[in-house]
Amino acid sequence: MRLSELSGKEIVDFKRAQRLGILGQTDLEINEATGHIQSLIIPTGKWRKKHVGEIRVPWQQIRTIGTDMIILEVPN
């Protein structure tokens, strides 16, 4: 799968059934040595408001990547 195919997908926490954002608003942490994605970094708060914090989700906690959304298991 290409990064361009991930762009625009909704990110959903399956345990809480909560929408966390859209991948275009999310940063990727990439291992410089291997080029593998290590985690998604999802900003919390609204885009119009000041950035309050972030949720860091390791790549291994992604459950499914579907056509419209990415379902993941957010750590506590």
PDB file of N, CA and C in Angstrom:
ATOM      1  N   MET A   1       0.845  -1.177   0.000  1.00  0.00           N
ATOM      2  CA  MET A   1       0.000   0.000   0.000  1.00  0.00           C
ATOM      3  C   MET A   1       0.889   1.239   0.000  1.00  0.00           C
ATOM      4  N   ARG A   2       0.507   2.229  -0.766  1.00  0.00           N
ATOM      5  CA  ARG A   2       1.246   3.484  -0.849  1.00  0.00           C
ATOM      6  C   ARG A   2       0.712   4.489   0.161  1.00  0.00           C
ATOM      7  N   LEU A   3       1.574   5.398   0.584  1.00  0.00           N
ATOM      8  CA  LEU A   3       1.167   6.436   1.526  1.00  0.00           C
ATOM      9  C   LEU A   3       0.013   7.252   0.969  1.00  0.00           C
ATOM     10  N   SER A   4       0.021   7.502  -0.320  1.00  0.00           N
ATOM     11  CA  SER A   4      -1.059   8.280  -0.935  1.00  0.00           C
ATOM     12  C   SER A   4      -2.413   7.581  -0.799  1.00  0.00           C
ATOM     13  N   GLU A   5      -2.416   6.261  -0.707  1.00  0.00           N
ATOM     14  CA  GLU A   5      -3.655   5.507  -0.538  1.00  0.00           C
ATOM     15  C   GLU A   5      -4.191   5.615   0.892  1.00  0.00           C
ATOM     16  N   LEU A   6      -3.315   5.913   1.857  1.00  0.00           N
ATOM     17  CA  LEU A   6      -3.738   6.071   3.246  1.00  0.00           C
ATOM     18  C   LEU A   6      -4.329   7.455   3.507  1.00  0.00           C
ATOM     19  N   SER A   7      -3.910   8.436   2.745  1.00  0.00           N
ATOM     20  CA  SER A   7      -4.333   9.813   2.952  1.00  0.00           C
ATOM     21  C   SER A   7      -5.843   9.966   2.851  1.00  0.00           C
ATOM     22  N   GLY A   8      -6.421  10.702   3.795  1.00  0.00           N
ATOM     23  CA  GLY A   8      -7.848  10.984   3.784  1.00  0.00           C
ATOM     24  C   GLY A   8      -8.704   9.953   4.490  1.00  0.00           C
ATOM     25  N   LYS A   9      -8.108   8.855   4.955  1.00  0.00           N
ATOM     26  CA  LYS A   9      -8.894   7.826   5.660  1.00  0.00           C
ATOM     27  C   LYS A   9      -9.172   8.268   7.095  1.00  0.00           C
ATOM     28  N   GLU A  10     -10.371   7.951   7.579  1.00  0.00           N
ATOM     29  CA  GLU A  10     -10.713   8.213   8.967  1.00  0.00           C
ATOM     30  C   GLU A  10      -9.964   7.253   9.868  1.00  0.00           C
ATOM     31  N   ILE A  11      -9.541   7.739  11.027  1.00  0.00           N
ATOM     32  CA  ILE A  11      -8.869   6.902  12.009  1.00  0.00           C
ATOM     33  C   ILE A  11      -9.845   6.682  13.160  1.00  0.00           C
ATOM     34  N   VAL A  12     -10.127   5.408  13.482  1.00  0.00           N
ATOM     35  CA  VAL A  12     -11.136   5.065  14.473  1.00  0.00           C
ATOM     36  C   VAL A  12     -10.545   4.129  15.515  1.00  0.00           C
ATOM     37  N   ASP A  13     -10.805   4.440  16.803  1.00  0.00           N
ATOM     38  CA  ASP A  13     -10.429   3.558  17.906  1.00  0.00           C
ATOM     39  C   ASP A  13     -11.567   2.551  18.086  1.00  0.00           C
ATOM     40  N   PHE A  14     -11.283   1.266  17.847  1.00  0.00           N
ATOM     41  CA  PHE A  14     -12.359   0.273  17.852  1.00  0.00           C
ATOM     42  C   PHE A  14     -12.895  -0.002  19.248  1.00  0.00           C
ATOM     43  N   LYS A  15     -12.092   0.141  20.299  1.00  0.00           N
ATOM     44  CA  LYS A  15     -12.580  -0.114  21.664  1.00  0.00           C
ATOM     45  C   LYS A  15     -13.586   0.938  22.109  1.00  0.00           C
ATOM     46  N   ARG A  16     -13.294   2.197  21.795  1.00  0.00           N
ATOM     47  CA  ARG A  16     -14.164   3.290  22.221  1.00  0.00           C
ATOM     48  C   ARG A  16     -15.159   3.705  21.148  1.00  0.00           C
ATOM     49  N   ALA A  17     -15.011   3.135  19.946  1.00  0.00           N
ATOM     50  CA  ALA A  17     -15.831   3.528  18.793  1.00  0.00           C
ATOM     51  C   ALA A  17     -15.785   5.039  18.628  1.00  0.00           C
ATOM     52  N   GLN A  18     -14.560   5.576  18.679  1.00  0.00           N
ATOM     53  CA  GLN A  18     -14.345   7.011  18.645  1.00  0.00           C
ATOM     54  C   GLN A  18     -13.514   7.398  17.440  1.00  0.00           C
ATOM     55  N   ARG A  19     -13.947   8.429  16.749  1.00  0.00           N
ATOM     56  CA  ARG A  19     -13.202   8.971  15.611  1.00  0.00           C
ATOM     57  C   ARG A  19     -12.059   9.808  16.147  1.00  0.00           C
ATOM     58  N   LEU A  20     -10.838   9.534  15.698  1.00  0.00           N
ATOM     59  CA  LEU A  20      -9.665  10.241  16.198  1.00  0.00           C
ATOM     60  C   LEU A  20      -9.153  11.297  15.226  1.00  0.00           C
ATOM     61  N   GLY A  21      -9.552  11.222  13.990  1.00  0.00           N
ATOM     62  CA  GLY A  21      -9.090  12.198  13.017  1.00  0.00           C
ATOM     63  C   GLY A  21      -9.007  11.596  11.630  1.00  0.00           C
ATOM     64  N   ILE A  22      -8.397  12.346  10.753  1.00  0.00           N
ATOM     65  CA  ILE A  22      -8.205  11.913   9.370  1.00  0.00           C
ATOM     66  C   ILE A  22      -6.706  11.859   9.126  1.00  0.00           C
ATOM     67  N   LEU A  23      -6.264  10.858   8.412  1.00  0.00           N
ATOM     68  CA  LEU A  23      -4.831  10.633   8.266  1.00  0.00           C
ATOM     69  C   LEU A  23      -4.084  11.825   7.694  1.00  0.00           C
ATOM     70  N   GLY A  24      -4.707  12.655   6.937  1.00  0.00           N
ATOM     71  CA  GLY A  24      -4.043  13.851   6.429  1.00  0.00           C
ATOM     72  C   GLY A  24      -3.624  14.800   7.535  1.00  0.00           C
ATOM     73  N   GLN A  25      -4.285  14.724   8.693  1.00  0.00           N
ATOM     74  CA  GLN A  25      -3.977  15.568   9.840  1.00  0.00           C
ATOM     75  C   GLN A  25      -3.026  14.870  10.799  1.00  0.00           C
ATOM     76  N   THR A  26      -2.513  13.740  10.418  1.00  0.00           N
ATOM     77  CA  THR A  26      -1.708  12.897  11.276  1.00  0.00           C
ATOM     78  C   THR A  26      -0.274  12.832  10.777  1.00  0.00           C
ATOM     79  N   ASP A  27       0.654  12.746  11.721  1.00  0.00           N
ATOM     80  CA  ASP A  27       2.056  12.578  11.352  1.00  0.00           C
ATOM     81  C   ASP A  27       2.439  11.115  11.434  1.00  0.00           C
ATOM     82  N   LEU A  28       3.411  10.736  10.641  1.00  0.00           N
ATOM     83  CA  LEU A  28       3.965   9.389  10.683  1.00  0.00           C
ATOM     84  C   LEU A  28       5.367   9.462  11.267  1.00  0.00           C
ATOM     85  N   GLU A  29       5.686   8.560  12.187  1.00  0.00           N
ATOM     86  CA  GLU A  29       7.042   8.444  12.700  1.00  0.00           C
ATOM     87  C   GLU A  29       7.696   7.300  11.939  1.00  0.00           C
ATOM     88  N   ILE A  30       8.782   7.595  11.255  1.00  0.00           N
ATOM     89  CA  ILE A  30       9.433   6.614  10.385  1.00  0.00           C
ATOM     90  C   ILE A  30      10.842   6.330  10.895  1.00  0.00           C
ATOM     91  N   ASN A  31      11.198   5.051  10.957  1.00  0.00           N
ATOM     92  CA  ASN A  31      12.539   4.643  11.327  1.00  0.00           C
ATOM     93  C   ASN A  31      13.473   5.004  10.177  1.00  0.00           C
ATOM     94  N   GLU A  32      14.421   5.875  10.442  1.00  0.00           N
ATOM     95  CA  GLU A  32      15.297   6.359   9.372  1.00  0.00           C
ATOM     96  C   GLU A  32      16.199   5.263   8.812  1.00  0.00           C
ATOM     97  N   ALA A  33      16.568   4.308   9.649  1.00  0.00           N
ATOM     98  CA  ALA A  33      17.470   3.242   9.202  1.00  0.00           C
ATOM     99  C   ALA A  33      16.773   2.252   8.274  1.00  0.00           C
ATOM    100  N   THR A  34      15.519   1.885   8.609  1.00  0.00           N
ATOM    101  CA  THR A  34      14.826   0.860   7.834  1.00  0.00           C
ATOM    102  C   THR A  34      13.780   1.417   6.879  1.00  0.00           C
ATOM    103  N   GLY A  35      13.288   2.635   7.153  1.00  0.00           N
ATOM    104  CA  GLY A  35      12.230   3.209   6.332  1.00  0.00           C
ATOM    105  C   GLY A  35      10.845   2.730   6.707  1.00  0.00           C
ATOM    106  N   HIS A  36      10.731   1.910   7.761  1.00  0.00           N
ATOM    107  CA  HIS A  36       9.431   1.397   8.199  1.00  0.00           C
ATOM    108  C   HIS A  36       8.711   2.425   9.068  1.00  0.00           C
ATOM    109  N   ILE A  37       7.383   2.423   8.975  1.00  0.00           N
ATOM    110  CA  ILE A  37       6.567   3.292   9.821  1.00  0.00           C
ATOM    111  C   ILE A  37       6.557   2.699  11.220  1.00  0.00           C
ATOM    112  N   GLN A  38       6.898   3.520  12.225  1.00  0.00           N
ATOM    113  CA  GLN A  38       6.897   3.056  13.606  1.00  0.00           C
ATOM    114  C   GLN A  38       5.580   3.368  14.299  1.00  0.00           C
ATOM    115  N   SER A  39       5.026   4.562  14.055  1.00  0.00           N
ATOM    116  CA  SER A  39       3.788   4.920  14.726  1.00  0.00           C
ATOM    117  C   SER A  39       3.068   6.050  13.998  1.00  0.00           C
ATOM    118  N   LEU A  40       1.790   6.186  14.324  1.00  0.00           N
ATOM    119  CA  LEU A  40       0.985   7.326  13.897  1.00  0.00           C
ATOM    120  C   LEU A  40       0.960   8.302  15.063  1.00  0.00           C
ATOM    121  N   ILE A  41       1.105   9.578  14.791  1.00  0.00           N
ATOM    122  CA  ILE A  41       1.019  10.603  15.824  1.00  0.00           C
ATOM    123  C   ILE A  41      -0.191  11.464  15.484  1.00  0.00           C
ATOM    124  N   ILE A  42      -1.238  11.338  16.299  1.00  0.00           N
ATOM    125  CA  ILE A  42      -2.518  11.986  16.025  1.00  0.00           C
ATOM    126  C   ILE A  42      -2.688  13.160  16.981  1.00  0.00           C
ATOM    127  N   PRO A  43      -2.786  14.403  16.473  1.00  0.00           N
ATOM    128  CA  PRO A  43      -2.986  15.547  17.363  1.00  0.00           C
ATOM    129  C   PRO A  43      -4.374  15.507  17.997  1.00  0.00           C
ATOM    130  N   THR A  44      -4.466  15.912  19.258  1.00  0.00           N
ATOM    131  CA  THR A  44      -5.768  15.997  19.925  1.00  0.00           C
ATOM    132  C   THR A  44      -6.258  17.436  19.856  1.00  0.00           C
ATOM    133  N   GLY A  45      -7.545  17.631  19.943  1.00  0.00           N
ATOM    134  CA  GLY A  45      -8.127  18.958  19.844  1.00  0.00           C
ATOM    135  C   GLY A  45      -8.536  19.265  18.413  1.00  0.00           C
ATOM    136  N   LYS A  46      -9.200  20.367  18.240  1.00  0.00           N
ATOM    137  CA  LYS A  46      -9.684  20.782  16.925  1.00  0.00           C
ATOM    138  C   LYS A  46      -8.583  21.515  16.173  1.00  0.00           C
ATOM    139  N   TRP A  47      -8.604  21.431  14.850  1.00  0.00           N
ATOM    140  CA  TRP A  47      -7.566  22.061  14.045  1.00  0.00           C
ATOM    141  C   TRP A  47      -7.590  23.578  14.143  1.00  0.00           C
ATOM    142  N   ARG A  48      -8.739  24.149  14.458  1.00  0.00           N
ATOM    143  CA  ARG A  48      -8.835  25.610  14.581  1.00  0.00           C
ATOM    144  C   ARG A  48      -8.303  26.097  15.924  1.00  0.00           C
ATOM    145  N   LYS A  49      -8.275  25.195  16.893  1.00  0.00           N
ATOM    146  CA  LYS A  49      -7.839  25.575  18.235  1.00  0.00           C
ATOM    147  C   LYS A  49      -6.376  25.215  18.423  1.00  0.00           C
ATOM    148  N   LYS A  50      -5.844  25.674  19.516  1.00  0.00           N
ATOM    149  CA  LYS A  50      -4.444  25.406  19.835  1.00  0.00           C
ATOM    150  C   LYS A  50      -4.217  23.909  20.024  1.00  0.00           C
ATOM    151  N   HIS A  51      -3.078  23.422  19.529  1.00  0.00           N
ATOM    152  CA  HIS A  51      -2.704  22.006  19.668  1.00  0.00           C
ATOM    153  C   HIS A  51      -2.516  21.689  21.161  1.00  0.00           C
ATOM    154  N   VAL A  52      -3.311  20.767  21.695  1.00  0.00           N
ATOM    155  CA  VAL A  52      -3.298  20.456  23.118  1.00  0.00           C
ATOM    156  C   VAL A  52      -2.346  19.306  23.432  1.00  0.00           C
ATOM    157  N   GLY A  53      -2.335  18.295  22.646  1.00  0.00           N
ATOM    158  CA  GLY A  53      -1.498  17.124  22.898  1.00  0.00           C
ATOM    159  C   GLY A  53      -1.527  16.203  21.700  1.00  0.00           C
ATOM    160  N   GLU A  54      -1.137  14.969  21.939  1.00  0.00           N
ATOM    161  CA  GLU A  54      -1.124  14.006  20.839  1.00  0.00           C
ATOM    162  C   GLU A  54      -1.326  12.595  21.363  1.00  0.00           C
ATOM    163  N   ILE A  55      -1.807  11.740  20.477  1.00  0.00           N
ATOM    164  CA  ILE A  55      -1.931  10.309  20.745  1.00  0.00           C
ATOM    165  C   ILE A  55      -0.926   9.628  19.832  1.00  0.00           C
ATOM    166  N   ARG A  56      -0.065   8.809  20.405  1.00  0.00           N
ATOM    167  CA  ARG A  56       0.946   8.085  19.624  1.00  0.00           C
ATOM    168  C   ARG A  56       0.515   6.614  19.574  1.00  0.00           C
ATOM    169  N   VAL A  57       0.277   6.116  18.370  1.00  0.00           N
ATOM    170  CA  VAL A  57      -0.188   4.745  18.188  1.00  0.00           C
ATOM    171  C   VAL A  57       0.868   3.948  17.417  1.00  0.00           C
ATOM    172  N   PRO A  58       1.486   2.959  18.060  1.00  0.00           N
ATOM    173  CA  PRO A  58       2.460   2.128  17.343  1.00  0.00           C
ATOM    174  C   PRO A  58       1.806   1.413  16.157  1.00  0.00           C
ATOM    175  N   TRP A  59       2.557   1.275  15.081  1.00  0.00           N
ATOM    176  CA  TRP A  59       2.053   0.661  13.851  1.00  0.00           C
ATOM    177  C   TRP A  59       1.482  -0.724  14.108  1.00  0.00           C
ATOM    178  N   GLN A  60       2.047  -1.468  15.062  1.00  0.00           N
ATOM    179  CA  GLN A  60       1.582  -2.824  15.367  1.00  0.00           C
ATOM    180  C   GLN A  60       0.172  -2.836  15.949  1.00  0.00           C
ATOM    181  N   GLN A  61      -0.329  -1.707  16.425  1.00  0.00           N
ATOM    182  CA  GLN A  61      -1.664  -1.663  17.020  1.00  0.00           C
ATOM    183  C   GLN A  61      -2.752  -1.311  16.015  1.00  0.00           C
ATOM    184  N   ILE A  62      -2.391  -1.190  14.755  1.00  0.00           N
ATOM    185  CA  ILE A  62      -3.402  -0.988  13.710  1.00  0.00           C
ATOM    186  C   ILE A  62      -4.049  -2.333  13.440  1.00  0.00           C
ATOM    187  N   ARG A  63      -5.365  -2.386  13.599  1.00  0.00           N
ATOM    188  CA  ARG A  63      -6.099  -3.641  13.418  1.00  0.00           C
ATOM    189  C   ARG A  63      -6.405  -3.909  11.953  1.00  0.00           C
ATOM    190  N   THR A  64      -6.950  -2.890  11.266  1.00  0.00           N
ATOM    191  CA  THR A  64      -7.391  -3.060   9.885  1.00  0.00           C
ATOM    192  C   THR A  64      -7.268  -1.738   9.132  1.00  0.00           C
ATOM    193  N   ILE A  65      -6.873  -1.833   7.879  1.00  0.00           N
ATOM    194  CA  ILE A  65      -6.909  -0.673   6.999  1.00  0.00           C
ATOM    195  C   ILE A  65      -7.924  -0.992   5.910  1.00  0.00           C
ATOM    196  N   GLY A  66      -9.055  -0.295   5.977  1.00  0.00           N
ATOM    197  CA  GLY A  66     -10.120  -0.531   5.008  1.00  0.00           C
ATOM    198  C   GLY A  66     -10.117   0.514   3.905  1.00  0.00           C
ATOM    199  N   THR A  67     -11.160   0.519   3.096  1.00  0.00           N
ATOM    200  CA  THR A  67     -11.231   1.461   1.981  1.00  0.00           C
ATOM    201  C   THR A  67     -11.480   2.891   2.453  1.00  0.00           C
ATOM    202  N   ASP A  68     -12.202   3.058   3.569  1.00  0.00           N
ATOM    203  CA  ASP A  68     -12.543   4.396   4.056  1.00  0.00           C
ATOM    204  C   ASP A  68     -11.923   4.749   5.394  1.00  0.00           C
ATOM    205  N   MET A  69     -11.492   3.748   6.162  1.00  0.00           N
ATOM    206  CA  MET A  69     -10.997   4.045   7.496  1.00  0.00           C
ATOM    207  C   MET A  69      -9.890   3.099   7.936  1.00  0.00           C
ATOM    208  N   ILE A  70      -9.181   3.535   8.967  1.00  0.00           N
ATOM    209  CA  ILE A  70      -8.159   2.750   9.615  1.00  0.00           C
ATOM    210  C   ILE A  70      -8.641   2.482  11.026  1.00  0.00           C
ATOM    211  N   ILE A  71      -8.789   1.220  11.372  1.00  0.00           N
ATOM    212  CA  ILE A  71      -9.276   0.860  12.699  1.00  0.00           C
ATOM    213  C   ILE A  71      -8.072   0.415  13.522  1.00  0.00           C
ATOM    214  N   LEU A  72      -7.941   1.038  14.694  1.00  0.00           N
ATOM    215  CA  LEU A  72      -6.796   0.723  15.527  1.00  0.00           C
ATOM    216  C   LEU A  72      -7.165   0.563  16.980  1.00  0.00           C
ATOM    217  N   GLU A  73      -6.217   0.026  17.722  1.00  0.00           N
ATOM    218  CA  GLU A  73      -6.373  -0.191  19.156  1.00  0.00           C
ATOM    219  C   GLU A  73      -5.457   0.795  19.858  1.00  0.00           C
ATOM    220  N   VAL A  74      -6.054   1.855  20.417  1.00  0.00           N
ATOM    221  CA  VAL A  74      -5.280   2.899  21.064  1.00  0.00           C
ATOM    222  C   VAL A  74      -4.842   2.434  22.447  1.00  0.00           C
ATOM    223  N   PRO A  75      -3.550   2.564  22.775  1.00  0.00           N
ATOM    224  CA  PRO A  75      -3.101   2.184  24.117  1.00  0.00           C
ATOM    225  C   PRO A  75      -3.671   3.133  25.155  1.00  0.00           C
ATOM    226  N   ASN A  76      -3.825   2.623  26.379  1.00  0.00           N
ATOM    227  CA  ASN A  76      -4.351   3.467  27.465  1.00  0.00           C
ATOM    228  C   ASN A  76      -3.362   4.493  27.812  1.00  0.00           C
TER     229      ASN A  76
END
